[in-house]
């Protein structure tokens, strides 16, 4: 991976650094929001879940508009502006004593993170040739997972010293990236060509709804992210219901470690081999590994078996995510690449729904039925992915002035 980084221009390396620094900042603080909100604002678990989940849902919906801005304005001011929002969100959460202001700052931070994510993905499509994009997406996803693997451990150390310290460090990481991009960011990169493209957000929204391929990919993303997005949450729910608290802790610690190690060491070597000419086959392979992994979870009874199932599940993860990005980049018109990636971010809604649906299944049905439900979501998501991939380009979208 380091050899690949040396081949990229500095503008791409800087964008990749945002994936590491901002993901690290996010991962340092988010796992400890439950503790902070519980001790600082005396909130119950249900209220905390509504607050954190609600902020994620609102930010995901707003990120579609962030994608629209990406197609209208240069990436340089957008990245600087939303990095300031990222920093402001953490500083505000650290300083405020109002629960409603805290919620607003939580939305601001999540929205800023989502928009920067969209800008980076869209900019890759403008800076890199098609045959280099899978490699860049794999490097980016590896760096994101490095941040998510290291962040909680740093956050634990910082929170032990002071519950406010994770917010300060997260804001500082955002500031480091802000000044680096201010000095060395690509200032000359313009948005995509906008001739014959509707100018209003509502008009562009109608264009998105008419693109059946994008609608299918978005639905596929929402359904599959129910399984992928918050796997630690629903696995914890299942384990607490069926095993002891001690065994639950052992399994969750093991599967999180396996997931981090597999992603960090295999994401790039495997992801760079994903070919744009065989995306359907790669997608089928990744979804099949998800199914095998979920089946393994249903059958597992020891920490080793849970770890093996997570290894297979993670292999599916590191195939599906870059493949999905490449599908979106392939179907997006050059002038609408940003908003197409913004629409893709709606798949985060599935991650918010996962623990809710799994909790309902565990309360009302035998515990293992939860995994049957998750398998059904994988199959349904794969159906929409493949349906979208099968639609010809001339049937997909029509970007004429309405």
Protein backbone atom coordinates (compact mmCIF):
# COMPACT_ATOMS: atom_id res chain seq x y z
CA UNK A 1 0.00 0.00 0.00
CA UNK A 2 2.85 2.40 0.79
CA UNK A 3 4.27 1.80 -2.70
CA UNK A 4 0.90 2.71 -4.21
CA UNK A 5 0.71 5.91 -2.15
CA UNK A 6 4.04 7.06 -3.56
CA UNK A 7 2.60 6.82 -7.09
CA UNK A 8 -0.30 9.17 -6.37
CA UNK A 9 -0.08 12.96 -6.78
CA UNK A 10 0.06 14.98 -3.57
CA UNK A 11 -3.58 16.07 -4.04
CA UNK A 12 -4.76 12.45 -3.83
CA UNK A 13 -2.49 11.67 -0.86
CA UNK A 14 -3.89 14.67 0.98
CA UNK A 15 -7.45 13.51 0.35
CA UNK A 16 -6.53 10.05 1.60
CA UNK A 17 -5.06 11.60 4.74
CA UNK A 18 -8.48 13.11 5.46
CA UNK A 19 -9.92 9.60 5.54
CA UNK A 20 -7.40 8.58 8.21
CA UNK A 21 -7.40 11.72 10.37
CA UNK A 22 -11.14 12.41 10.36
CA UNK A 23 -12.07 8.75 10.84
CA UNK A 24 -9.62 8.55 13.72
CA UNK A 25 -11.17 11.67 15.25
CA UNK A 26 -14.64 10.19 14.86
CA UNK A 27 -13.64 6.82 16.32
CA UNK A 28 -11.92 8.39 19.33
CA UNK A 29 -15.12 10.06 20.53
CA UNK A 30 -18.18 8.19 19.26
CA UNK A 31 -17.77 4.98 21.32
CA UNK A 32 -17.77 7.09 24.51
CA UNK A 33 -20.80 9.25 23.76
CA UNK A 34 -22.95 6.81 25.75
CA UNK A 35 -20.79 7.30 28.85
CA UNK A 36 -20.56 11.06 28.33
CA UNK A 37 -24.29 11.56 27.80
CA UNK A 38 -25.12 9.27 30.69
CA UNK A 39 -22.82 10.96 33.20
CA UNK A 40 -22.93 14.53 31.87
CA UNK A 41 -26.64 14.82 31.04
CA UNK A 42 -28.12 11.94 33.06
CA UNK A 43 -29.80 10.39 30.00
CA UNK A 44 -31.15 6.86 29.89
CA UNK A 45 -30.00 4.28 27.36
CA UNK A 46 -33.14 4.66 25.22
CA UNK A 47 -32.76 8.44 25.06
CA UNK A 48 -29.07 8.14 24.18
CA UNK A 49 -29.90 5.69 21.40
CA UNK A 50 -32.52 8.05 19.99
CA UNK A 51 -30.11 10.98 20.13
CA UNK A 52 -27.12 9.25 18.50
CA UNK A 53 -29.24 7.35 15.96
CA UNK A 54 -31.35 10.41 15.16
CA UNK A 55 -28.25 12.53 14.52
CA UNK A 56 -26.89 9.89 12.14
CA UNK A 57 -30.19 9.65 10.25
CA UNK A 58 -30.52 13.45 9.88
CA UNK A 59 -26.90 13.76 8.74
CA UNK A 60 -27.36 10.95 6.19
CA UNK A 61 -30.39 12.67 4.70
CA UNK A 62 -28.61 16.02 4.62
CA UNK A 63 -25.57 14.49 2.90
CA UNK A 64 -27.59 14.31 -0.34
CA UNK A 65 -27.59 18.09 -0.35
CA UNK A 66 -23.88 18.00 0.44
CA UNK A 67 -23.40 15.97 -2.74
CA UNK A 68 -25.35 18.62 -4.65
CA UNK A 69 -22.95 21.28 -3.34
CA UNK A 70 -20.02 19.10 -4.44
CA UNK A 71 -21.25 19.27 -8.04
CA UNK A 72 -21.73 23.05 -7.94
CA UNK A 73 -18.58 24.26 -6.16
CA UNK A 74 -14.87 23.55 -6.16
CA UNK A 75 -13.76 20.86 -3.72
CA UNK A 76 -11.16 23.15 -2.11
CA UNK A 77 -13.53 25.59 -0.34
CA UNK A 78 -16.02 22.82 0.38
CA UNK A 79 -13.47 20.66 2.19
CA UNK A 80 -12.18 23.63 4.19
CA UNK A 81 -15.70 24.77 5.09
CA UNK A 82 -16.92 21.37 6.24
CA UNK A 83 -13.68 20.63 8.09
CA UNK A 84 -14.40 23.78 10.11
CA UNK A 85 -17.90 22.36 10.75
CA UNK A 86 -16.28 19.06 11.82
CA UNK A 87 -14.08 20.91 14.33
CA UNK A 88 -16.96 23.10 15.51
CA UNK A 89 -19.11 20.04 16.19
CA UNK A 90 -16.56 18.53 18.59
CA UNK A 91 -15.74 21.84 20.29
CA UNK A 92 -19.44 22.58 20.73
CA UNK A 93 -20.19 19.13 22.18
CA UNK A 94 -17.31 19.57 24.60
CA UNK A 95 -18.37 23.03 25.83
CA UNK A 96 -22.17 23.06 25.82
CA UNK A 97 -24.31 22.30 28.84
CA UNK A 98 -27.55 22.16 26.84
CA UNK A 99 -28.73 18.77 25.63
CA UNK A 100 -30.42 20.31 22.58
CA UNK A 101 -27.29 22.23 21.59
CA UNK A 102 -25.31 19.03 22.07
CA UNK A 103 -27.67 17.28 19.66
CA UNK A 104 -27.29 20.10 17.11
CA UNK A 105 -23.49 19.92 17.32
CA UNK A 106 -23.69 16.12 16.96
CA UNK A 107 -25.71 16.56 13.76
CA UNK A 108 -23.23 19.21 12.49
CA UNK A 109 -20.27 16.90 13.06
CA UNK A 110 -21.94 13.91 11.39
CA UNK A 111 -23.12 16.04 8.47
CA UNK A 112 -19.64 17.51 7.96
CA UNK A 113 -18.05 14.05 8.06
CA UNK A 114 -20.58 12.74 5.51
CA UNK A 115 -20.07 15.65 3.11
CA UNK A 116 -16.27 15.43 3.23
CA UNK A 117 -16.64 11.71 2.53
CA UNK A 118 -18.76 12.53 -0.54
CA UNK A 119 -16.35 15.22 -1.76
CA UNK A 120 -13.35 12.88 -1.45
CA UNK A 121 -15.05 10.04 -3.35
CA UNK A 122 -16.29 12.38 -6.09
CA UNK A 123 -12.87 14.01 -6.40
CA UNK A 124 -11.19 10.63 -6.90
CA UNK A 125 -13.37 10.22 -9.98
CA UNK A 126 -12.07 13.53 -11.34
CA UNK A 127 -8.40 13.07 -10.46
CA UNK A 128 -7.82 9.40 -11.26
CA UNK A 129 -8.32 7.25 -14.37
CA UNK A 130 -10.95 4.51 -14.13
CA UNK A 131 -8.41 1.69 -13.79
CA UNK A 132 -6.82 3.37 -10.75
CA UNK A 133 -10.00 4.06 -8.81
CA UNK A 134 -10.47 0.61 -7.26
CA UNK A 135 -6.94 0.83 -5.85
CA UNK A 136 -7.61 4.30 -4.42
CA UNK A 137 -10.94 3.25 -2.90
CA UNK A 138 -9.25 0.26 -1.29
CA UNK A 139 -6.46 2.41 0.16
CA UNK A 140 -9.06 4.87 1.45
CA UNK A 141 -11.19 2.16 3.04
CA UNK A 142 -8.10 0.62 4.66
CA UNK A 143 -7.16 3.99 6.17
CA UNK A 144 -10.71 4.50 7.45
CA UNK A 145 -10.59 1.12 9.16
CA UNK A 146 -7.18 1.84 10.64
CA UNK A 147 -8.77 4.92 12.20
CA UNK A 148 -11.75 2.93 13.47
CA UNK A 149 -9.45 0.20 14.83
CA UNK A 150 -7.06 2.51 16.66
CA UNK A 151 -9.52 5.24 17.67
CA UNK A 152 -11.47 3.42 20.42
CA UNK A 153 -8.24 2.41 22.19
CA UNK A 154 -6.97 6.00 22.14
CA UNK A 155 -10.40 7.19 23.22
CA UNK A 156 -10.38 4.80 26.19
CA UNK A 157 -7.05 6.18 27.39
CA UNK A 158 -8.17 9.79 26.92
CA UNK A 159 -11.59 9.26 28.52
CA UNK A 160 -9.88 7.69 31.52
CA UNK A 161 -8.05 11.00 32.07
CA UNK A 162 -11.06 13.22 31.30
CA UNK A 163 -14.38 12.60 29.52
CA UNK A 164 -13.94 15.86 27.62
CA UNK A 165 -10.44 15.03 26.36
CA UNK A 166 -11.60 12.79 23.44
CA UNK A 167 -13.58 15.74 22.04
CA UNK A 168 -10.51 17.99 22.28
CA UNK A 169 -8.25 15.48 20.51
CA UNK A 170 -10.86 14.80 17.80
CA UNK A 171 -11.19 18.54 17.13
CA UNK A 172 -7.37 18.83 17.06
CA UNK A 173 -7.10 16.10 14.40
CA UNK A 174 -9.64 18.03 12.32
CA UNK A 175 -7.55 21.18 12.78
CA UNK A 176 -4.39 19.37 11.62
CA UNK A 177 -6.10 18.34 8.41
CA UNK A 178 -7.63 21.81 7.95
CA UNK A 179 -4.28 23.58 8.00
CA UNK A 180 -2.64 20.92 5.84
CA UNK A 181 -5.37 21.24 3.21
CA UNK A 182 -5.39 25.04 3.49
CA UNK A 183 -1.70 25.09 2.57
CA UNK A 184 -1.38 22.18 0.14
CA UNK A 185 -4.88 21.37 -1.13
CA UNK A 186 -5.71 21.33 -4.84
CA UNK A 187 -7.20 24.79 -5.53
CA UNK A 188 -7.69 24.40 -9.29
CA UNK A 189 -10.02 21.41 -9.30
CA UNK A 190 -13.44 22.56 -10.51
CA UNK A 191 -16.76 20.73 -10.17
CA UNK A 192 -18.02 18.61 -13.03
CA UNK A 193 -19.32 20.20 -16.19
CA UNK A 194 -22.84 21.46 -15.64
CA UNK A 195 -24.10 22.20 -19.11
CA UNK A 196 -27.70 21.00 -19.59
CA UNK A 197 -27.88 20.01 -15.89
CA UNK A 198 -30.78 21.37 -13.79
CA UNK A 199 -29.54 24.04 -11.39
CA UNK A 200 -31.98 23.67 -8.51
CA UNK A 201 -31.66 20.98 -5.85
CA UNK A 202 -35.26 19.85 -6.36
CA UNK A 203 -34.70 19.51 -10.12
CA UNK A 204 -31.57 17.45 -9.55
CA UNK A 205 -33.52 15.34 -7.06
CA UNK A 206 -36.02 14.50 -9.79
CA UNK A 207 -33.12 13.43 -12.00
CA UNK A 208 -31.92 11.06 -9.28
CA UNK A 209 -35.36 9.49 -8.90
CA UNK A 210 -35.53 8.88 -12.65
CA UNK A 211 -32.24 6.98 -12.62
CA UNK A 212 -33.46 3.46 -11.94
CA UNK A 213 -29.92 2.18 -11.52
CA UNK A 214 -29.22 4.64 -8.71
CA UNK A 215 -32.55 3.85 -7.04
CA UNK A 216 -31.72 0.14 -7.14
CA UNK A 217 -28.21 0.66 -5.77
CA UNK A 218 -29.52 2.91 -3.00
CA UNK A 219 -32.15 0.34 -1.99
CA UNK A 220 -29.53 -2.41 -2.15
CA UNK A 221 -27.23 -0.31 0.03
CA UNK A 222 -29.91 0.38 2.65
CA UNK A 223 -30.86 -3.32 2.87
CA UNK A 224 -27.29 -4.65 3.01
CA UNK A 225 -26.16 -1.98 5.51
CA UNK A 226 -28.77 -3.29 7.95
CA UNK A 227 -26.36 -6.25 8.20
CA UNK A 228 -23.03 -4.50 7.72
CA UNK A 229 -23.49 -1.14 9.40
CA UNK A 230 -23.80 -1.91 13.12
CA UNK A 231 -22.82 -5.57 13.41
CA UNK A 232 -21.32 -5.13 16.90
CA UNK A 233 -24.64 -3.76 18.18
CA UNK A 234 -26.84 -6.62 16.99
CA UNK A 235 -24.26 -9.29 17.84
CA UNK A 236 -24.12 -7.87 21.37
CA UNK A 237 -27.92 -7.96 21.54
CA UNK A 238 -27.95 -11.61 20.46
CA UNK A 239 -25.13 -12.67 22.78
CA UNK A 240 -26.60 -10.94 25.83
CA UNK A 241 -29.90 -12.68 25.11
CA UNK A 242 -28.43 -16.17 24.69
CA UNK A 243 -25.17 -16.24 26.70
CA UNK A 244 -23.57 -14.73 29.80
CA UNK A 245 -22.24 -11.18 29.96
CA UNK A 246 -18.69 -12.52 30.33
CA UNK A 247 -18.95 -14.64 27.17
CA UNK A 248 -20.50 -11.70 25.34
CA UNK A 249 -17.52 -9.52 26.21
CA UNK A 250 -15.07 -12.22 25.07
CA UNK A 251 -16.82 -12.71 21.72
CA UNK A 252 -17.27 -8.99 20.94
CA UNK A 253 -13.62 -8.29 21.78
CA UNK A 254 -12.55 -11.15 19.51
CA UNK A 255 -14.74 -10.27 16.51
CA UNK A 256 -13.80 -6.58 16.64
CA UNK A 257 -10.11 -7.53 16.67
CA UNK A 258 -10.55 -10.01 13.80
CA UNK A 259 -12.46 -7.45 11.75
CA UNK A 260 -9.78 -4.80 12.26
CA UNK A 261 -6.85 -7.13 11.47
CA UNK A 262 -8.47 -8.59 8.33
CA UNK A 263 -9.43 -5.18 6.96
CA UNK A 264 -6.06 -3.59 7.67
CA UNK A 265 -4.02 -6.42 6.13
CA UNK A 266 -6.27 -7.68 3.31
CA UNK A 267 -8.36 -4.69 2.17
CA UNK A 268 -5.72 -3.24 -0.12
CA UNK A 269 -4.25 -6.49 -1.55
CA UNK A 270 -7.74 -7.79 -2.33
CA UNK A 271 -9.42 -4.50 -3.22
CA UNK A 272 -6.87 -3.50 -5.85
CA UNK A 273 -7.73 -6.67 -7.79
CA UNK A 274 -11.39 -5.73 -8.17
CA UNK A 275 -11.89 -5.16 -11.88
CA UNK A 276 -14.41 -2.70 -13.27
CA UNK A 277 -15.15 -5.28 -16.00
CA UNK A 278 -16.34 -7.91 -13.52
CA UNK A 279 -18.13 -5.90 -10.83
CA UNK A 280 -21.19 -8.19 -10.87
CA UNK A 281 -19.06 -11.25 -10.09
CA UNK A 282 -17.20 -9.45 -7.31
CA UNK A 283 -20.48 -8.27 -5.83
CA UNK A 284 -21.94 -11.78 -5.88
CA UNK A 285 -18.77 -13.10 -4.21
CA UNK A 286 -18.90 -10.46 -1.47
CA UNK A 287 -22.58 -10.98 -0.72
CA UNK A 288 -22.06 -14.76 -0.67
CA UNK A 289 -19.34 -14.33 1.94
CA UNK A 290 -21.75 -12.20 4.00
CA UNK A 291 -24.29 -15.02 3.87
CA UNK A 292 -21.70 -17.61 4.92
CA UNK A 293 -20.54 -15.33 7.75
CA UNK A 294 -24.07 -14.75 9.07
CA UNK A 295 -24.73 -18.50 8.88
CA UNK A 296 -21.54 -19.01 10.85
CA UNK A 297 -22.76 -16.58 13.53
CA UNK A 298 -26.01 -18.56 13.85
CA UNK A 299 -24.10 -21.83 14.35
CA UNK A 300 -21.18 -20.56 16.46
CA UNK A 301 -20.88 -21.65 20.09
CA UNK A 302 -17.24 -20.84 20.92
CA UNK A 303 -15.02 -17.77 20.63
CA UNK A 304 -12.98 -19.51 17.90
CA UNK A 305 -16.09 -20.27 15.83
CA UNK A 306 -17.31 -16.69 16.20
CA UNK A 307 -13.89 -15.44 15.08
CA UNK A 308 -13.85 -17.68 11.98
CA UNK A 309 -17.35 -16.53 11.05
CA UNK A 310 -16.24 -12.90 11.44
CA UNK A 311 -13.21 -13.53 9.23
CA UNK A 312 -15.49 -14.72 6.40
CA UNK A 313 -17.95 -11.89 7.05
CA UNK A 314 -15.13 -9.32 6.89
CA UNK A 315 -13.87 -10.72 3.58
CA UNK A 316 -17.32 -9.96 2.20
CA UNK A 317 -17.13 -6.46 3.64
CA UNK A 318 -13.81 -5.60 2.01
CA UNK A 319 -15.15 -6.75 -1.37
CA UNK A 320 -18.61 -5.16 -1.29
CA UNK A 321 -17.68 -1.63 -0.21
CA UNK A 322 -15.11 -0.82 -2.97
CA UNK A 323 -17.32 -2.58 -5.53
CA UNK A 324 -20.30 -0.44 -4.56
CA UNK A 325 -18.22 2.75 -4.85
CA UNK A 326 -17.07 1.73 -8.33
CA UNK A 327 -20.62 0.96 -9.44
CA UNK A 328 -21.77 4.41 -8.35
CA UNK A 329 -18.81 6.11 -10.02
CA UNK A 330 -19.49 4.17 -13.23
CA UNK A 331 -23.16 5.14 -13.47
CA UNK A 332 -22.84 8.76 -12.29
CA UNK A 333 -22.78 11.49 -14.94
CA UNK A 334 -19.62 13.60 -14.57
CA UNK A 335 -21.64 16.66 -13.56
CA UNK A 336 -23.62 14.77 -10.88
CA UNK A 337 -20.94 12.58 -9.35
CA UNK A 338 -21.14 14.33 -5.99
CA UNK A 339 -24.88 14.04 -5.52
CA UNK A 340 -24.81 10.39 -6.65
CA UNK A 341 -22.36 9.66 -3.85
CA UNK A 342 -24.54 11.73 -1.52
CA UNK A 343 -27.50 9.52 -2.42
CA UNK A 344 -25.35 6.47 -1.75
CA UNK A 345 -24.81 7.75 1.80
CA UNK A 346 -28.51 7.11 2.41
CA UNK A 347 -27.44 3.51 2.94
CA UNK A 348 -26.42 4.63 6.45
CA UNK A 349 -30.13 4.57 7.24
CA UNK A 350 -29.89 0.78 7.14
CA UNK A 351 -27.17 0.86 9.78
CA UNK A 352 -29.45 2.85 12.08
CA UNK A 353 -32.31 0.40 11.53
CA UNK A 354 -30.27 -2.77 12.12
CA UNK A 355 -30.19 -2.80 15.95
CA UNK A 356 -33.88 -1.79 16.09
CA UNK A 357 -35.01 -4.61 13.80
CA UNK A 358 -32.75 -7.16 15.50
CA UNK A 359 -34.01 -6.12 18.92
CA UNK A 360 -37.59 -6.63 17.74
CA UNK A 361 -36.72 -10.07 16.34
CA UNK A 362 -34.99 -11.15 19.55
CA UNK A 363 -37.95 -10.11 21.69
CA UNK A 364 -40.65 -11.70 19.57
CA UNK A 365 -39.05 -14.79 17.97
CA UNK A 366 -36.47 -17.49 18.79
CA UNK A 367 -33.03 -15.87 18.99
CA UNK A 368 -31.55 -17.57 15.91
CA UNK A 369 -34.35 -16.19 13.74
CA UNK A 370 -32.49 -12.89 13.89
CA UNK A 371 -29.84 -14.35 11.58
CA UNK A 372 -32.49 -15.65 9.17
CA UNK A 373 -33.80 -12.09 9.00
CA UNK A 374 -30.29 -10.74 8.34
CA UNK A 375 -29.75 -13.34 5.60
CA UNK A 376 -33.01 -12.20 3.98
CA UNK A 377 -31.75 -8.60 4.00
CA UNK A 378 -28.51 -9.69 2.31
CA UNK A 379 -30.42 -11.55 -0.40
CA UNK A 380 -32.84 -8.65 -0.93
CA UNK A 381 -29.97 -6.16 -1.06
CA UNK A 382 -28.11 -8.33 -3.57
CA UNK A 383 -31.25 -8.55 -5.71
CA UNK A 384 -31.46 -4.76 -5.99
CA UNK A 385 -27.71 -4.41 -6.60
CA UNK A 386 -27.81 -6.91 -9.47
CA UNK A 387 -31.06 -5.45 -10.82
CA UNK A 388 -29.41 -2.04 -10.97
CA UNK A 389 -26.31 -3.47 -12.62
CA UNK A 390 -28.45 -5.18 -15.28
CA UNK A 391 -30.18 -1.97 -16.43
CA UNK A 392 -28.61 -0.61 -19.59
CA UNK A 393 -27.14 2.90 -19.55
CA UNK A 394 -29.68 4.22 -22.06
CA UNK A 395 -32.45 3.06 -19.69
CA UNK A 396 -30.79 4.39 -16.57
CA UNK A 397 -30.99 8.16 -16.46
CA UNK A 398 -31.98 11.16 -18.51
CA UNK A 399 -30.27 14.36 -17.42
CA UNK A 400 -32.05 16.85 -19.55
CA UNK A 401 -33.50 20.08 -18.31
CA UNK A 402 -36.94 19.25 -16.92
